[in-house]
C-alpha atoms as a PDB file:
ATOM      1  CA  UNK A   1      72.341 118.325 102.845  1.00  0.00           C
ATOM      2  CA  UNK A   2      74.942 118.973 100.164  1.00  0.00           C
ATOM      3  CA  UNK A   3      77.622 121.590 100.778  1.00  0.00           C
ATOM      4  CA  UNK A   4      78.450 123.737  97.765  1.00  0.00           C
ATOM      5  CA  UNK A   5      81.700 125.673  97.820  1.00  0.00           C
ATOM      6  CA  UNK A   6      84.245 127.159  95.452  1.00  0.00           C
ATOM      7  CA  UNK A   7      87.720 125.839  94.772  1.00  0.00           C
ATOM      8  CA  UNK A   8      90.169 126.660  97.549  1.00  0.00           C
ATOM      9  CA  UNK A   9      91.628 130.159  97.311  1.00  0.00           C
ATOM     10  CA  UNK A  10      89.795 130.861  94.050  1.00  0.00           C
ATOM     11  CA  UNK A  11      86.871 132.991  92.982  1.00  0.00           C
ATOM     12  CA  UNK A  12      83.431 131.439  93.486  1.00  0.00           C
ATOM     13  CA  UNK A  13      82.953 131.185  89.701  1.00  0.00           C
ATOM     14  CA  UNK A  14      86.447 129.825  88.956  1.00  0.00           C
ATOM     15  CA  UNK A  15      86.885 126.525  87.156  1.00  0.00           C
ATOM     16  CA  UNK A  16      89.935 124.399  86.517  1.00  0.00           C
ATOM     17  CA  UNK A  17      90.780 121.963  83.733  1.00  0.00           C
ATOM     18  CA  UNK A  18      91.178 118.347  84.789  1.00  0.00           C
ATOM     19  CA  UNK A  19      93.050 116.363  82.121  1.00  0.00           C
ATOM     20  CA  UNK A  20      92.022 112.726  81.796  1.00  0.00           C
ATOM     21  CA  UNK A  21      93.279 109.894  79.576  1.00  0.00           C
ATOM     22  CA  UNK A  22      91.474 109.392  76.239  1.00  0.00           C
ATOM     23  CA  UNK A  23      90.309 105.928  77.346  1.00  0.00           C
ATOM     24  CA  UNK A  24      88.486 107.478  80.306  1.00  0.00           C
ATOM     25  CA  UNK A  25      86.911 110.078  77.999  1.00  0.00           C
ATOM     26  CA  UNK A  26      85.437 107.175  75.988  1.00  0.00           C
ATOM     27  CA  UNK A  27      84.061 105.553  79.151  1.00  0.00           C
ATOM     28  CA  UNK A  28      82.495 108.836  80.329  1.00  0.00           C
ATOM     29  CA  UNK A  29      80.956 109.540  76.912  1.00  0.00           C
ATOM     30  CA  UNK A  30      79.465 106.044  76.799  1.00  0.00           C
ATOM     31  CA  UNK A  31      78.022 106.558  80.303  1.00  0.00           C
ATOM     32  CA  UNK A  32      76.503 109.914  79.335  1.00  0.00           C
ATOM     33  CA  UNK A  33      75.074 108.468  76.112  1.00  0.00           C
ATOM     34  CA  UNK A  34      73.476 105.627  78.064  1.00  0.00           C
ATOM     35  CA  UNK A  35      72.279 107.456  81.186  1.00  0.00           C
ATOM     36  CA  UNK A  36      72.326 111.145  80.256  1.00  0.00           C
ATOM     37  CA  UNK A  37      73.286 113.844  82.700  1.00  0.00           C
ATOM     38  CA  UNK A  38      71.528 115.785  85.430  1.00  0.00           C
ATOM     39  CA  UNK A  39      70.070 119.200  84.544  1.00  0.00           C
ATOM     40  CA  UNK A  40      72.753 120.842  86.694  1.00  0.00           C
ATOM     41  CA  UNK A  41      75.569 119.123  84.751  1.00  0.00           C
ATOM     42  CA  UNK A  42      76.369 116.268  87.125  1.00  0.00           C
ATOM     43  CA  UNK A  43      77.305 113.024  85.409  1.00  0.00           C
ATOM     44  CA  UNK A  44      76.507 110.706  88.315  1.00  0.00           C
ATOM     45  CA  UNK A  45      73.246 110.770  90.264  1.00  0.00           C
ATOM     46  CA  UNK A  46      71.056 108.335  92.139  1.00  0.00           C
ATOM     47  CA  UNK A  47      67.921 106.675  90.745  1.00  0.00           C
ATOM     48  CA  UNK A  48      65.795 109.617  91.875  1.00  0.00           C
ATOM     49  CA  UNK A  49      68.104 112.029  90.021  1.00  0.00           C
ATOM     50  CA  UNK A  50      69.590 113.464  93.202  1.00  0.00           C
ATOM     51  CA  UNK A  51      73.127 113.583  94.555  1.00  0.00           C
ATOM     52  CA  UNK A  52      74.782 110.235  95.193  1.00  0.00           C
ATOM     53  CA  UNK A  53      75.036 109.706  98.943  1.00  0.00           C
ATOM     54  CA  UNK A  54      78.620 109.526 100.198  1.00  0.00           C
ATOM     55  CA  UNK A  55      78.011 106.089 101.745  1.00  0.00           C
ATOM     56  CA  UNK A  56      77.065 104.712  98.322  1.00  0.00           C
ATOM     57  CA  UNK A  57      80.581 105.362  97.041  1.00  0.00           C
ATOM     58  CA  UNK A  58      82.084 103.220  99.788  1.00  0.00           C
ATOM     59  CA  UNK A  59      79.661 100.375  99.154  1.00  0.00           C
ATOM     60  CA  UNK A  60      80.306 100.460  95.408  1.00  0.00           C
ATOM     61  CA  UNK A  61      84.071 100.714  95.933  1.00  0.00           C
ATOM     62  CA  UNK A  62      84.057  97.651  98.206  1.00  0.00           C
ATOM     63  CA  UNK A  63      82.072  95.648  95.630  1.00  0.00           C
ATOM     64  CA  UNK A  64      84.418  96.696  92.828  1.00  0.00           C
ATOM     65  CA  UNK A  65      87.500  95.689  94.838  1.00  0.00           C
ATOM     66  CA  UNK A  66      86.027  92.221  95.450  1.00  0.00           C
ATOM     67  CA  UNK A  67      85.292  91.879  91.742  1.00  0.00           C
ATOM     68  CA  UNK A  68      88.721  92.864  90.393  1.00  0.00           C
ATOM     69  CA  UNK A  69      91.318  92.063  93.057  1.00  0.00           C
ATOM     70  CA  UNK A  70      92.728  88.690  94.019  1.00  0.00           C
ATOM     71  CA  UNK A  71      92.249  87.356  97.559  1.00  0.00           C
ATOM     72  CA  UNK A  72      95.823  88.287  98.387  1.00  0.00           C
ATOM     73  CA  UNK A  73      95.360  91.832  97.099  1.00  0.00           C
ATOM     74  CA  UNK A  74      92.103  92.203  99.029  1.00  0.00           C
ATOM     75  CA  UNK A  75      93.751  90.975 102.235  1.00  0.00           C
ATOM     76  CA  UNK A  76      96.639  93.412 101.733  1.00  0.00           C
ATOM     77  CA  UNK A  77      94.326  96.416 101.876  1.00  0.00           C
ATOM     78  CA  UNK A  78      95.379  97.537  98.387  1.00  0.00           C
ATOM     79  CA  UNK A  79      93.242 100.528  97.331  1.00  0.00           C
ATOM     80  CA  UNK A  80      91.011 100.080 100.363  1.00  0.00           C
ATOM     81  CA  UNK A  81      89.616 103.582  99.852  1.00  0.00           C
ATOM     82  CA  UNK A  82      89.388 105.675  96.662  1.00  0.00           C
ATOM     83  CA  UNK A  83      91.673 108.205  98.384  1.00  0.00           C
ATOM     84  CA  UNK A  84      94.419 105.564  98.437  1.00  0.00           C
ATOM     85  CA  UNK A  85      94.637 105.760  94.636  1.00  0.00           C
ATOM     86  CA  UNK A  86      94.979 109.539  94.762  1.00  0.00           C
ATOM     87  CA  UNK A  87      97.721 109.262  97.354  1.00  0.00           C
ATOM     88  CA  UNK A  88      99.559 106.601  95.328  1.00  0.00           C
ATOM     89  CA  UNK A  89      99.248 108.622  92.114  1.00  0.00           C
ATOM     90  CA  UNK A  90     100.562 111.807  93.673  1.00  0.00           C
ATOM     91  CA  UNK A  91     103.408 109.936  95.360  1.00  0.00           C
ATOM     92  CA  UNK A  92     104.343 108.397  91.997  1.00  0.00           C
ATOM     93  CA  UNK A  93     104.332 111.816  90.299  1.00  0.00           C
ATOM     94  CA  UNK A  94     106.539 113.325  92.997  1.00  0.00           C
ATOM     95  CA  UNK A  95     108.922 110.359  92.841  1.00  0.00           C
ATOM     96  CA  UNK A  96     109.049 110.788  89.040  1.00  0.00           C
ATOM     97  CA  UNK A  97     110.116 114.407  89.388  1.00  0.00           C
ATOM     98  CA  UNK A  98     106.832 116.237  88.685  1.00  0.00           C
ATOM     99  CA  UNK A  99     106.898 119.754  90.122  1.00  0.00           C
ATOM    100  CA  UNK A 100     104.705 119.744  93.259  1.00  0.00           C
ATOM    101  CA  UNK A 101     103.366 123.226  92.446  1.00  0.00           C
END
């Protein structure tokens, strides 16, 4: 079962902009042109058109790591989970002086 909830401390109908690099916009547009989107607006869905199961992300992430990282990088645990990239990105921003708020 999928849990649907609003953004923390925001109205149930609130949205927020999420800026992304132009290169990623191109990748997303190409994906949508090739595969379309779900009727509810989701970009990614399983073959049956439903939500992607959380375990599928981990499997795909592990395959991607094996494809792009060297043996040394794999053994180091670099980007072992998608969350690791978020943590590293936020740490870099804070170190660079970005306002935490």
